[in-house]
Amino acid sequence: MLYHKEIGFPKIVEGFYGKKLNLEYTRHAKLACLSERYGTITHPPFVIEINKENLIEIEIENNLITKVVVRIPYDNENELALAIIPEGEKGTVKSLWANLIRDKHFTLDKSKYNSI
């Protein structure tokens, strides 16, 4: 089941806040850094802490969080979104992309997400 911050997260997410993940990047994510529409991305940090401010999407299967999408600051014009598979203290970044900071995400398709 897929949940978005703007629609609401189930209670399971509360235990995830404060979790630090040591990030590893897939080949796809590394290539995305080189081919981003807003220019080449300098490799993001290798450790990230999940919190209420940066967590924007979660996927839950069998009562476990199987994917998170976080948004982190990048530069004066962009922020980065990272799709991460959490596995204990490790997080595998399967994809990443830049979003303009001024993008207010009015195109969110709420039909893709579950509500609590």
PDB file of N, CA and C in Angstrom:
ATOM      1  N   MET A   1       0.838  -1.163   0.000  1.00  0.00           N
ATOM      2  CA  MET A   1       0.000   0.000   0.000  1.00  0.00           C
ATOM      3  C   MET A   1       0.896   1.243   0.000  1.00  0.00           C
ATOM      4  N   LEU A   2       0.488   2.220  -0.763  1.00  0.00           N
ATOM      5  CA  LEU A   2       1.283   3.417  -0.968  1.00  0.00           C
ATOM      6  C   LEU A   2       0.607   4.603  -0.282  1.00  0.00           C
ATOM      7  N   TYR A   3       1.423   5.390   0.463  1.00  0.00           N
ATOM      8  CA  TYR A   3       0.912   6.540   1.198  1.00  0.00           C
ATOM      9  C   TYR A   3       1.749   7.772   0.887  1.00  0.00           C
ATOM     10  N   HIS A   4       1.103   8.944   0.905  1.00  0.00           N
ATOM     11  CA  HIS A   4       1.782  10.203   0.636  1.00  0.00           C
ATOM     12  C   HIS A   4       1.563  11.153   1.812  1.00  0.00           C
ATOM     13  N   LYS A   5       2.563  11.961   2.083  1.00  0.00           N
ATOM     14  CA  LYS A   5       2.535  12.913   3.193  1.00  0.00           C
ATOM     15  C   LYS A   5       1.300  13.810   3.148  1.00  0.00           C
ATOM     16  N   GLU A   6       0.929  14.280   1.959  1.00  0.00           N
ATOM     17  CA  GLU A   6      -0.202  15.207   1.837  1.00  0.00           C
ATOM     18  C   GLU A   6      -1.543  14.544   2.122  1.00  0.00           C
ATOM     19  N   ILE A   7      -1.594  13.216   2.018  1.00  0.00           N
ATOM     20  CA  ILE A   7      -2.849  12.499   2.241  1.00  0.00           C
ATOM     21  C   ILE A   7      -2.891  11.923   3.657  1.00  0.00           C
ATOM     22  N   GLY A   8      -1.729  11.564   4.175  1.00  0.00           N
ATOM     23  CA  GLY A   8      -1.638  11.046   5.538  1.00  0.00           C
ATOM     24  C   GLY A   8      -0.928   9.705   5.588  1.00  0.00           C
ATOM     25  N   PHE A   9      -0.109   9.556   6.614  1.00  0.00           N
ATOM     26  CA  PHE A   9       0.624   8.306   6.845  1.00  0.00           C
ATOM     27  C   PHE A   9      -0.045   7.512   7.964  1.00  0.00           C
ATOM     28  N   PRO A  10       0.016   6.181   7.886  1.00  0.00           N
ATOM     29  CA  PRO A  10      -0.466   5.367   9.004  1.00  0.00           C
ATOM     30  C   PRO A  10       0.499   5.465  10.194  1.00  0.00           C
ATOM     31  N   LYS A  11       0.063   5.020  11.347  1.00  0.00           N
ATOM     32  CA  LYS A  11       0.855   5.131  12.579  1.00  0.00           C
ATOM     33  C   LYS A  11       2.206   4.428  12.496  1.00  0.00           C
ATOM     34  N   ILE A  12       2.343   3.404  11.677  1.00  0.00           N
ATOM     35  CA  ILE A  12       3.602   2.657  11.583  1.00  0.00           C
ATOM     36  C   ILE A  12       4.786   3.572  11.276  1.00  0.00           C
ATOM     37  N   VAL A  13       4.532   4.670  10.582  1.00  0.00           N
ATOM     38  CA  VAL A  13       5.612   5.574  10.180  1.00  0.00           C
ATOM     39  C   VAL A  13       6.249   6.278  11.379  1.00  0.00           C
ATOM     40  N   GLU A  14       5.515   6.446  12.460  1.00  0.00           N
ATOM     41  CA  GLU A  14       6.045   7.157  13.628  1.00  0.00           C
ATOM     42  C   GLU A  14       7.300   6.477  14.173  1.00  0.00           C
ATOM     43  N   GLY A  15       7.375   5.159  14.116  1.00  0.00           N
ATOM     44  CA  GLY A  15       8.552   4.430  14.574  1.00  0.00           C
ATOM     45  C   GLY A  15       9.730   4.546  13.624  1.00  0.00           C
ATOM     46  N   PHE A  16       9.498   5.091  12.451  1.00  0.00           N
ATOM     47  CA  PHE A  16      10.548   5.241  11.435  1.00  0.00           C
ATOM     48  C   PHE A  16      11.257   6.586  11.533  1.00  0.00           C
ATOM     49  N   TYR A  17      10.584   7.581  12.140  1.00  0.00           N
ATOM     50  CA  TYR A  17      11.194   8.904  12.282  1.00  0.00           C
ATOM     51  C   TYR A  17      12.437   8.803  13.174  1.00  0.00           C
ATOM     52  N   GLY A  18      13.489   9.464  12.774  1.00  0.00           N
ATOM     53  CA  GLY A  18      14.741   9.425  13.515  1.00  0.00           C
ATOM     54  C   GLY A  18      15.669   8.319  13.064  1.00  0.00           C
ATOM     55  N   LYS A  19      15.189   7.431  12.199  1.00  0.00           N
ATOM     56  CA  LYS A  19      16.013   6.323  11.708  1.00  0.00           C
ATOM     57  C   LYS A  19      17.086   6.855  10.759  1.00  0.00           C
ATOM     58  N   LYS A  20      18.313   6.420  10.977  1.00  0.00           N
ATOM     59  CA  LYS A  20      19.416   6.790  10.090  1.00  0.00           C
ATOM     60  C   LYS A  20      19.712   5.620   9.170  1.00  0.00           C
ATOM     61  N   LEU A  21      19.816   5.920   7.887  1.00  0.00           N
ATOM     62  CA  LEU A  21      20.114   4.897   6.884  1.00  0.00           C
ATOM     63  C   LEU A  21      21.452   5.194   6.225  1.00  0.00           C
ATOM     64  N   ASN A  22      22.293   4.181   6.155  1.00  0.00           N
ATOM     65  CA  ASN A  22      23.550   4.255   5.400  1.00  0.00           C
ATOM     66  C   ASN A  22      23.214   3.925   3.959  1.00  0.00           C
ATOM     67  N   LEU A  23      23.369   4.901   3.078  1.00  0.00           N
ATOM     68  CA  LEU A  23      22.894   4.755   1.709  1.00  0.00           C
ATOM     69  C   LEU A  23      23.913   4.098   0.788  1.00  0.00           C
ATOM     70  N   GLU A  24      23.384   3.217  -0.047  1.00  0.00           N
ATOM     71  CA  GLU A  24      24.120   2.634  -1.163  1.00  0.00           C
ATOM     72  C   GLU A  24      23.306   2.957  -2.411  1.00  0.00           C
ATOM     73  N   TYR A  25      23.989   3.241  -3.507  1.00  0.00           N
ATOM     74  CA  TYR A  25      23.316   3.671  -4.729  1.00  0.00           C
ATOM     75  C   TYR A  25      23.374   2.579  -5.789  1.00  0.00           C
ATOM     76  N   THR A  26      22.216   2.296  -6.388  1.00  0.00           N
ATOM     77  CA  THR A  26      22.182   1.339  -7.486  1.00  0.00           C
ATOM     78  C   THR A  26      22.809   1.970  -8.729  1.00  0.00           C
ATOM     79  N   ARG A  27      23.091   1.153  -9.700  1.00  0.00           N
ATOM     80  CA  ARG A  27      23.627   1.648 -10.971  1.00  0.00           C
ATOM     81  C   ARG A  27      22.656   2.663 -11.585  1.00  0.00           C
ATOM     82  N   HIS A  28      21.373   2.335 -11.521  1.00  0.00           N
ATOM     83  CA  HIS A  28      20.350   3.236 -12.066  1.00  0.00           C
ATOM     84  C   HIS A  28      20.418   4.610 -11.388  1.00  0.00           C
ATOM     85  N   ALA A  29      20.554   4.634 -10.059  1.00  0.00           N
ATOM     86  CA  ALA A  29      20.617   5.906  -9.338  1.00  0.00           C
ATOM     87  C   ALA A  29      21.875   6.684  -9.700  1.00  0.00           C
ATOM     88  N   LYS A  30      22.987   5.981  -9.842  1.00  0.00           N
ATOM     89  CA  LYS A  30      24.235   6.664 -10.221  1.00  0.00           C
ATOM     90  C   LYS A  30      24.120   7.261 -11.622  1.00  0.00           C
ATOM     91  N   LEU A  31      23.490   6.535 -12.536  1.00  0.00           N
ATOM     92  CA  LEU A  31      23.296   7.068 -13.892  1.00  0.00           C
ATOM     93  C   LEU A  31      22.338   8.254 -13.889  1.00  0.00           C
ATOM     94  N   ALA A  32      21.338   8.217 -12.999  1.00  0.00           N
ATOM     95  CA  ALA A  32      20.389   9.332 -12.900  1.00  0.00           C
ATOM     96  C   ALA A  32      21.110  10.618 -12.503  1.00  0.00           C
ATOM     97  N   CYS A  33      22.170  10.509 -11.709  1.00  0.00           N
ATOM     98  CA  CYS A  33      22.953  11.690 -11.326  1.00  0.00           C
ATOM     99  C   CYS A  33      23.588  12.347 -12.548  1.00  0.00           C
ATOM    100  N   LEU A  34      23.866  11.558 -13.563  1.00  0.00           N
ATOM    101  CA  LEU A  34      24.539  12.071 -14.762  1.00  0.00           C
ATOM    102  C   LEU A  34      23.576  12.568 -15.830  1.00  0.00           C
ATOM    103  N   SER A  35      22.311  12.173 -15.729  1.00  0.00           N
ATOM    104  CA  SER A  35      21.375  12.495 -16.812  1.00  0.00           C
ATOM    105  C   SER A  35      20.131  13.237 -16.332  1.00  0.00           C
ATOM    106  N   GLU A  36      20.242  13.960 -15.244  1.00  0.00           N
ATOM    107  CA  GLU A  36      19.103  14.694 -14.696  1.00  0.00           C
ATOM    108  C   GLU A  36      18.734  15.868 -15.604  1.00  0.00           C
ATOM    109  N   ARG A  37      17.449  16.137 -15.755  1.00  0.00           N
ATOM    110  CA  ARG A  37      16.970  17.199 -16.653  1.00  0.00           C
ATOM    111  C   ARG A  37      17.442  18.589 -16.240  1.00  0.00           C
ATOM    112  N   TYR A  38      17.744  18.790 -14.945  1.00  0.00           N
ATOM    113  CA  TYR A  38      18.209  20.100 -14.484  1.00  0.00           C
ATOM    114  C   TYR A  38      19.732  20.176 -14.411  1.00  0.00           C
ATOM    115  N   GLY A  39      20.423  19.177 -14.926  1.00  0.00           N
ATOM    116  CA  GLY A  39      21.880  19.177 -14.917  1.00  0.00           C
ATOM    117  C   GLY A  39      22.430  18.032 -14.084  1.00  0.00           C
ATOM    118  N   THR A  40      23.721  17.826 -14.154  1.00  0.00           N
ATOM    119  CA  THR A  40      24.369  16.742 -13.417  1.00  0.00           C
ATOM    120  C   THR A  40      24.227  16.966 -11.908  1.00  0.00           C
ATOM    121  N   ILE A  41      23.906  15.896 -11.202  1.00  0.00           N
ATOM    122  CA  ILE A  41      23.738  15.953  -9.750  1.00  0.00           C
ATOM    123  C   ILE A  41      25.028  15.492  -9.086  1.00  0.00           C
ATOM    124  N   THR A  42      25.524  16.292  -8.154  1.00  0.00           N
ATOM    125  CA  THR A  42      26.636  15.862  -7.323  1.00  0.00           C
ATOM    126  C   THR A  42      26.086  14.825  -6.361  1.00  0.00           C
ATOM    127  N   HIS A  43      26.827  13.741  -6.194  1.00  0.00           N
ATOM    128  CA  HIS A  43      26.351  12.622  -5.384  1.00  0.00           C
ATOM    129  C   HIS A  43      25.826  13.087  -4.027  1.00  0.00           C
ATOM    130  N   PRO A  44      24.587  12.706  -3.672  1.00  0.00           N
ATOM    131  CA  PRO A  44      24.009  13.065  -2.371  1.00  0.00           C
ATOM    132  C   PRO A  44      24.744  12.386  -1.210  1.00  0.00           C
ATOM    133  N   PRO A  45      24.379  12.733   0.019  1.00  0.00           N
ATOM    134  CA  PRO A  45      25.056  12.174   1.192  1.00  0.00           C
ATOM    135  C   PRO A  45      24.899  10.658   1.285  1.00  0.00           C
ATOM    136  N   PHE A  46      25.784  10.045   2.050  1.00  0.00           N
ATOM    137  CA  PHE A  46      25.735   8.593   2.198  1.00  0.00           C
ATOM    138  C   PHE A  46      24.994   8.156   3.449  1.00  0.00           C
ATOM    139  N   VAL A  47      24.606   9.103   4.292  1.00  0.00           N
ATOM    140  CA  VAL A  47      23.787   8.801   5.470  1.00  0.00           C
ATOM    141  C   VAL A  47      22.655   9.811   5.490  1.00  0.00           C
ATOM    142  N   ILE A  48      21.454   9.315   5.749  1.00  0.00           N
ATOM    143  CA  ILE A  48      20.302  10.212   5.824  1.00  0.00           C
ATOM    144  C   ILE A  48      19.470   9.827   7.035  1.00  0.00           C
ATOM    145  N   GLU A  49      18.936  10.839   7.687  1.00  0.00           N
ATOM    146  CA  GLU A  49      18.026  10.593   8.803  1.00  0.00           C
ATOM    147  C   GLU A  49      16.608  10.891   8.331  1.00  0.00           C
ATOM    148  N   ILE A  50      15.721   9.943   8.540  1.00  0.00           N
ATOM    149  CA  ILE A  50      14.325  10.091   8.129  1.00  0.00           C
ATOM    150  C   ILE A  50      13.605  10.920   9.197  1.00  0.00           C
ATOM    151  N   ASN A  51      12.880  11.959   8.759  1.00  0.00           N
ATOM    152  CA  ASN A  51      12.120  12.771   9.709  1.00  0.00           C
ATOM    153  C   ASN A  51      10.820  13.256   9.072  1.00  0.00           C
ATOM    154  N   LYS A  52       9.991  13.916   9.868  1.00  0.00           N
ATOM    155  CA  LYS A  52       8.683  14.385   9.385  1.00  0.00           C
ATOM    156  C   LYS A  52       8.806  15.374   8.239  1.00  0.00           C
ATOM    157  N   GLU A  53       9.893  16.124   8.207  1.00  0.00           N
ATOM    158  CA  GLU A  53      10.057  17.136   7.176  1.00  0.00           C
ATOM    159  C   GLU A  53      10.475  16.542   5.836  1.00  0.00           C
ATOM    160  N   ASN A  54      11.318  15.515   5.832  1.00  0.00           N
ATOM    161  CA  ASN A  54      11.837  15.030   4.551  1.00  0.00           C
ATOM    162  C   ASN A  54      11.107  13.815   3.989  1.00  0.00           C
ATOM    163  N   LEU A  55      10.325  13.117   4.779  1.00  0.00           N
ATOM    164  CA  LEU A  55       9.612  11.930   4.301  1.00  0.00           C
ATOM    165  C   LEU A  55       8.355  12.350   3.554  1.00  0.00           C
ATOM    166  N   ILE A  56       8.249  11.944   2.269  1.00  0.00           N
ATOM    167  CA  ILE A  56       7.074  12.356   1.492  1.00  0.00           C
ATOM    168  C   ILE A  56       6.210  11.182   1.028  1.00  0.00           C
ATOM    169  N   GLU A  57       6.783   9.973   0.982  1.00  0.00           N
ATOM    170  CA  GLU A  57       6.020   8.827   0.501  1.00  0.00           C
ATOM    171  C   GLU A  57       6.550   7.566   1.169  1.00  0.00           C
ATOM    172  N   ILE A  58       5.640   6.632   1.473  1.00  0.00           N
ATOM    173  CA  ILE A  58       6.054   5.322   1.978  1.00  0.00           C
ATOM    174  C   ILE A  58       5.229   4.244   1.299  1.00  0.00           C
ATOM    175  N   GLU A  59       5.838   3.079   1.197  1.00  0.00           N
ATOM    176  CA  GLU A  59       5.129   1.900   0.711  1.00  0.00           C
ATOM    177  C   GLU A  59       5.213   0.847   1.802  1.00  0.00           C
ATOM    178  N   ILE A  60       4.085   0.219   2.091  1.00  0.00           N
ATOM    179  CA  ILE A  60       4.016  -0.786   3.149  1.00  0.00           C
ATOM    180  C   ILE A  60       3.509  -2.092   2.567  1.00  0.00           C
ATOM    181  N   GLU A  61       4.217  -3.180   2.880  1.00  0.00           N
ATOM    182  CA  GLU A  61       3.796  -4.530   2.511  1.00  0.00           C
ATOM    183  C   GLU A  61       3.956  -5.415   3.731  1.00  0.00           C
ATOM    184  N   ASN A  62       2.931  -6.199   4.052  1.00  0.00           N
ATOM    185  CA  ASN A  62       2.970  -7.101   5.201  1.00  0.00           C
ATOM    186  C   ASN A  62       3.378  -6.383   6.480  1.00  0.00           C
ATOM    187  N   ASN A  63       2.854  -5.183   6.668  1.00  0.00           N
ATOM    188  CA  ASN A  63       3.097  -4.364   7.853  1.00  0.00           C
ATOM    189  C   ASN A  63       4.556  -3.932   8.018  1.00  0.00           C
ATOM    190  N   LEU A  64       5.316  -3.918   6.926  1.00  0.00           N
ATOM    191  CA  LEU A  64       6.696  -3.445   6.929  1.00  0.00           C
ATOM    192  C   LEU A  64       6.844  -2.327   5.911  1.00  0.00           C
ATOM    193  N   ILE A  65       7.633  -1.315   6.247  1.00  0.00           N
ATOM    194  CA  ILE A  65       7.912  -0.238   5.296  1.00  0.00           C
ATOM    195  C   ILE A  65       8.942  -0.762   4.301  1.00  0.00           C
ATOM    196  N   THR A  66       8.555  -0.853   3.032  1.00  0.00           N
ATOM    197  CA  THR A  66       9.412  -1.443   2.003  1.00  0.00           C
ATOM    198  C   THR A  66      10.027  -0.417   1.065  1.00  0.00           C
ATOM    199  N   LYS A  67       9.505   0.817   1.087  1.00  0.00           N
ATOM    200  CA  LYS A  67      10.084   1.882   0.272  1.00  0.00           C
ATOM    201  C   LYS A  67       9.749   3.220   0.914  1.00  0.00           C
ATOM    202  N   VAL A  68      10.702   4.137   0.853  1.00  0.00           N
ATOM    203  CA  VAL A  68      10.450   5.509   1.291  1.00  0.00           C
ATOM    204  C   VAL A  68      10.950   6.446   0.204  1.00  0.00           C
ATOM    205  N   VAL A  69      10.308   7.578   0.092  1.00  0.00           N
ATOM    206  CA  VAL A  69      10.808   8.651  -0.765  1.00  0.00           C
ATOM    207  C   VAL A  69      11.013   9.847   0.145  1.00  0.00           C
ATOM    208  N   VAL A  70      12.230  10.360   0.129  1.00  0.00           N
ATOM    209  CA  VAL A  70      12.562  11.535   0.931  1.00  0.00           C
ATOM    210  C   VAL A  70      12.955  12.673   0.008  1.00  0.00           C
ATOM    211  N   ARG A  71      12.726  13.876   0.491  1.00  0.00           N
ATOM    212  CA  ARG A  71      13.109  15.080  -0.241  1.00  0.00           C
ATOM    213  C   ARG A  71      14.128  15.819   0.616  1.00  0.00           C
ATOM    214  N   ILE A  72      15.298  16.120   0.026  1.00  0.00           N
ATOM    215  CA  ILE A  72      16.361  16.787   0.770  1.00  0.00           C
ATOM    216  C   ILE A  72      16.825  18.031   0.012  1.00  0.00           C
ATOM    217  N   PRO A  73      17.332  19.024   0.742  1.00  0.00           N
ATOM    218  CA  PRO A  73      17.868  20.217   0.075  1.00  0.00           C
ATOM    219  C   PRO A  73      19.046  19.841  -0.811  1.00  0.00           C
ATOM    220  N   TYR A  74      19.224  20.590  -1.916  1.00  0.00           N
ATOM    221  CA  TYR A  74      20.347  20.315  -2.803  1.00  0.00           C
ATOM    222  C   TYR A  74      21.146  21.584  -3.099  1.00  0.00           C
ATOM    223  N   ASP A  75      20.511  22.547  -3.780  1.00  0.00           N
ATOM    224  CA  ASP A  75      21.189  23.802  -4.083  1.00  0.00           C
ATOM    225  C   ASP A  75      20.171  24.937  -3.999  1.00  0.00           C
ATOM    226  N   ASN A  76      20.508  26.097  -4.506  1.00  0.00           N
ATOM    227  CA  ASN A  76      19.612  27.255  -4.392  1.00  0.00           C
ATOM    228  C   ASN A  76      18.326  27.128  -5.205  1.00  0.00           C
ATOM    229  N   GLU A  77      18.313  26.242  -6.202  1.00  0.00           N
ATOM    230  CA  GLU A  77      17.139  26.116  -7.059  1.00  0.00           C
ATOM    231  C   GLU A  77      16.428  24.775  -6.948  1.00  0.00           C
ATOM    232  N   ASN A  78      17.138  23.751  -6.487  1.00  0.00           N
ATOM    233  CA  ASN A  78      16.600  22.392  -6.519  1.00  0.00           C
ATOM    234  C   ASN A  78      16.684  21.698  -5.169  1.00  0.00           C
ATOM    235  N   GLU A  79      15.797  20.722  -5.027  1.00  0.00           N
ATOM    236  CA  GLU A  79      15.894  19.758  -3.952  1.00  0.00           C
ATOM    237  C   GLU A  79      15.928  18.388  -4.623  1.00  0.00           C
ATOM    238  N   LEU A  80      16.377  17.375  -3.904  1.00  0.00           N
ATOM    239  CA  LEU A  80      16.454  16.040  -4.472  1.00  0.00           C
ATOM    240  C   LEU A  80      15.415  15.140  -3.828  1.00  0.00           C
ATOM    241  N   ALA A  81      14.834  14.281  -4.640  1.00  0.00           N
ATOM    242  CA  ALA A  81      13.968  13.222  -4.145  1.00  0.00           C
ATOM    243  C   ALA A  81      14.721  11.913  -4.328  1.00  0.00           C
ATOM    244  N   LEU A  82      14.781  11.112  -3.261  1.00  0.00           N
ATOM    245  CA  LEU A  82      15.465   9.824  -3.296  1.00  0.00           C
ATOM    246  C   LEU A  82      14.466   8.729  -2.970  1.00  0.00           C
ATOM    247  N   ALA A  83      14.342   7.739  -3.845  1.00  0.00           N
ATOM    248  CA  ALA A  83      13.527   6.558  -3.590  1.00  0.00           C
ATOM    249  C   ALA A  83      14.445   5.505  -2.984  1.00  0.00           C
ATOM    250  N   ILE A  84      14.151   5.119  -1.743  1.00  0.00           N
ATOM    251  CA  ILE A  84      15.049   4.276  -0.960  1.00  0.00           C
ATOM    252  C   ILE A  84      14.335   3.010  -0.490  1.00  0.00           C
ATOM    253  N   ILE A  85      15.028   1.880  -0.617  1.00  0.00           N
ATOM    254  CA  ILE A  85      14.561   0.617  -0.062  1.00  0.00           C
ATOM    255  C   ILE A  85      15.275   0.442   1.281  1.00  0.00           C
ATOM    256  N   PRO A  86      14.552   0.551   2.409  1.00  0.00           N
ATOM    257  CA  PRO A  86      15.206   0.407   3.712  1.00  0.00           C
ATOM    258  C   PRO A  86      15.372  -1.062   4.082  1.00  0.00           C
ATOM    259  N   GLU A  87      16.572  -1.400   4.555  1.00  0.00           N
ATOM    260  CA  GLU A  87      16.865  -2.766   4.984  1.00  0.00           C
ATOM    261  C   GLU A  87      17.721  -2.679   6.242  1.00  0.00           C
ATOM    262  N   GLY A  88      17.088  -2.657   7.402  1.00  0.00           N
ATOM    263  CA  GLY A  88      17.816  -2.483   8.648  1.00  0.00           C
ATOM    264  C   GLY A  88      18.420  -1.093   8.703  1.00  0.00           C
ATOM    265  N   GLU A  89      19.741  -1.036   8.879  1.00  0.00           N
ATOM    266  CA  GLU A  89      20.444   0.252   8.937  1.00  0.00           C
ATOM    267  C   GLU A  89      20.904   0.714   7.556  1.00  0.00           C
ATOM    268  N   LYS A  90      20.645  -0.095   6.533  1.00  0.00           N
ATOM    269  CA  LYS A  90      21.066   0.222   5.167  1.00  0.00           C
ATOM    270  C   LYS A  90      19.869   0.721   4.366  1.00  0.00           C
ATOM    271  N   GLY A  91      20.129   1.610   3.435  1.00  0.00           N
ATOM    272  CA  GLY A  91      19.101   2.063   2.516  1.00  0.00           C
ATOM    273  C   GLY A  91      19.652   2.029   1.102  1.00  0.00           C
ATOM    274  N   THR A  92      18.986   1.300   0.222  1.00  0.00           N
ATOM    275  CA  THR A  92      19.413   1.224  -1.165  1.00  0.00           C
ATOM    276  C   THR A  92      18.642   2.263  -1.971  1.00  0.00           C
ATOM    277  N   VAL A  93      19.363   3.236  -2.524  1.00  0.00           N
ATOM    278  CA  VAL A  93      18.739   4.272  -3.337  1.00  0.00           C
ATOM    279  C   VAL A  93      18.544   3.683  -4.725  1.00  0.00           C
ATOM    280  N   LYS A  94      17.278   3.453  -5.083  1.00  0.00           N
ATOM    281  CA  LYS A  94      17.015   2.848  -6.386  1.00  0.00           C
ATOM    282  C   LYS A  94      16.826   3.889  -7.477  1.00  0.00           C
ATOM    283  N   SER A  95      16.470   5.122  -7.070  1.00  0.00           N
ATOM    284  CA  SER A  95      16.328   6.196  -8.048  1.00  0.00           C
ATOM    285  C   SER A  95      16.408   7.535  -7.327  1.00  0.00           C
ATOM    286  N   LEU A  96      16.732   8.574  -8.062  1.00  0.00           N
ATOM    287  CA  LEU A  96      16.719   9.920  -7.519  1.00  0.00           C
ATOM    288  C   LEU A  96      16.495  10.905  -8.653  1.00  0.00           C
ATOM    289  N   TRP A  97      15.961  12.057  -8.300  1.00  0.00           N
ATOM    290  CA  TRP A  97      15.693  13.091  -9.295  1.00  0.00           C
ATOM    291  C   TRP A  97      15.629  14.440  -8.596  1.00  0.00           C
ATOM    292  N   ALA A  98      15.791  15.479  -9.378  1.00  0.00           N
ATOM    293  CA  ALA A  98      15.723  16.844  -8.861  1.00  0.00           C
ATOM    294  C   ALA A  98      14.324  17.411  -9.079  1.00  0.00           C
ATOM    295  N   ASN A  99      13.906  18.235  -8.149  1.00  0.00           N
ATOM    296  CA  ASN A  99      12.676  19.013  -8.261  1.00  0.00           C
ATOM    297  C   ASN A  99      13.033  20.461  -7.988  1.00  0.00           C
ATOM    298  N   LEU A 100      12.432  21.357  -8.744  1.00  0.00           N
ATOM    299  CA  LEU A 100      12.623  22.776  -8.450  1.00  0.00           C
ATOM    300  C   LEU A 100      12.003  23.093  -7.100  1.00  0.00           C
ATOM    301  N   ILE A 101      12.692  23.854  -6.292  1.00  0.00           N
ATOM    302  CA  ILE A 101      12.180  24.227  -4.972  1.00  0.00           C
ATOM    303  C   ILE A 101      10.842  24.935  -5.109  1.00  0.00           C
ATOM    304  N   ARG A 102      10.704  25.732  -6.138  1.00  0.00           N
ATOM    305  CA  ARG A 102       9.460  26.501  -6.315  1.00  0.00           C
ATOM    306  C   ARG A 102       8.288  25.641  -6.804  1.00  0.00           C
ATOM    307  N   ASP A 103       8.550  24.379  -7.184  1.00  0.00           N
ATOM    308  CA  ASP A 103       7.483  23.469  -7.623  1.00  0.00           C
ATOM    309  C   ASP A 103       6.628  23.103  -6.417  1.00  0.00           C
ATOM    310  N   LYS A 104       5.368  23.448  -6.454  1.00  0.00           N
ATOM    311  CA  LYS A 104       4.458  23.188  -5.328  1.00  0.00           C
ATOM    312  C   LYS A 104       3.717  21.859  -5.481  1.00  0.00           C
ATOM    313  N   HIS A 105       4.048  21.088  -6.497  1.00  0.00           N
ATOM    314  CA  HIS A 105       3.523  19.735  -6.685  1.00  0.00           C
ATOM    315  C   HIS A 105       1.996  19.693  -6.755  1.00  0.00           C
ATOM    316  N   PHE A 106       1.420  20.628  -7.477  1.00  0.00           N
ATOM    317  CA  PHE A 106      -0.027  20.660  -7.630  1.00  0.00           C
ATOM    318  C   PHE A 106      -0.538  19.519  -8.498  1.00  0.00           C
ATOM    319  N   THR A 107       0.360  18.801  -9.143  1.00  0.00           N
ATOM    320  CA  THR A 107      -0.056  17.723 -10.036  1.00  0.00           C
ATOM    321  C   THR A 107      -0.132  16.368  -9.324  1.00  0.00           C
ATOM    322  N   LEU A 108      -0.071  16.336  -8.005  1.00  0.00           N
ATOM    323  CA  LEU A 108      -0.132  15.090  -7.255  1.00  0.00           C
ATOM    324  C   LEU A 108      -1.410  14.334  -7.616  1.00  0.00           C
ATOM    325  N   ASP A 109      -1.253  13.090  -8.077  1.00  0.00           N
ATOM    326  CA  ASP A 109      -2.392  12.236  -8.413  1.00  0.00           C
ATOM    327  C   ASP A 109      -2.779  11.448  -7.165  1.00  0.00           C
ATOM    328  N   LYS A 110      -3.728  11.971  -6.427  1.00  0.00           N
ATOM    329  CA  LYS A 110      -4.130  11.371  -5.156  1.00  0.00           C
ATOM    330  C   LYS A 110      -4.752   9.987  -5.326  1.00  0.00           C
ATOM    331  N   SER A 111      -5.182   9.649  -6.536  1.00  0.00           N
ATOM    332  CA  SER A 111      -5.792   8.339  -6.765  1.00  0.00           C
ATOM    333  C   SER A 111      -4.758   7.200  -6.676  1.00  0.00           C
ATOM    334  N   LYS A 112      -3.474   7.529  -6.731  1.00  0.00           N
ATOM    335  CA  LYS A 112      -2.416   6.510  -6.657  1.00  0.00           C
ATOM    336  C   LYS A 112      -2.115   6.089  -5.214  1.00  0.00           C
ATOM    337  N   TYR A 113      -2.671   6.821  -4.240  1.00  0.00           N
ATOM    338  CA  TYR A 113      -2.308   6.619  -2.844  1.00  0.00           C
ATOM    339  C   TYR A 113      -3.497   6.153  -2.006  1.00  0.00           C
ATOM    340  N   ASN A 114      -3.171   5.422  -0.946  1.00  0.00           N
ATOM    341  CA  ASN A 114      -4.171   4.994   0.026  1.00  0.00           C
ATOM    342  C   ASN A 114      -4.379   6.095   1.045  1.00  0.00           C
ATOM    343  N   SER A 115      -5.556   6.142   1.623  1.00  0.00           N
ATOM    344  CA  SER A 115      -5.790   7.081   2.711  1.00  0.00           C
ATOM    345  C   SER A 115      -5.907   6.277   4.006  1.00  0.00           C
ATOM    346  N   ILE A 116      -5.615   6.955   5.106  1.00  0.00           N
ATOM    347  CA  ILE A 116      -5.644   6.250   6.393  1.00  0.00           C
ATOM    348  C   ILE A 116      -7.019   6.309   7.007  1.00  0.00           C
TER     349      ILE A 116
END
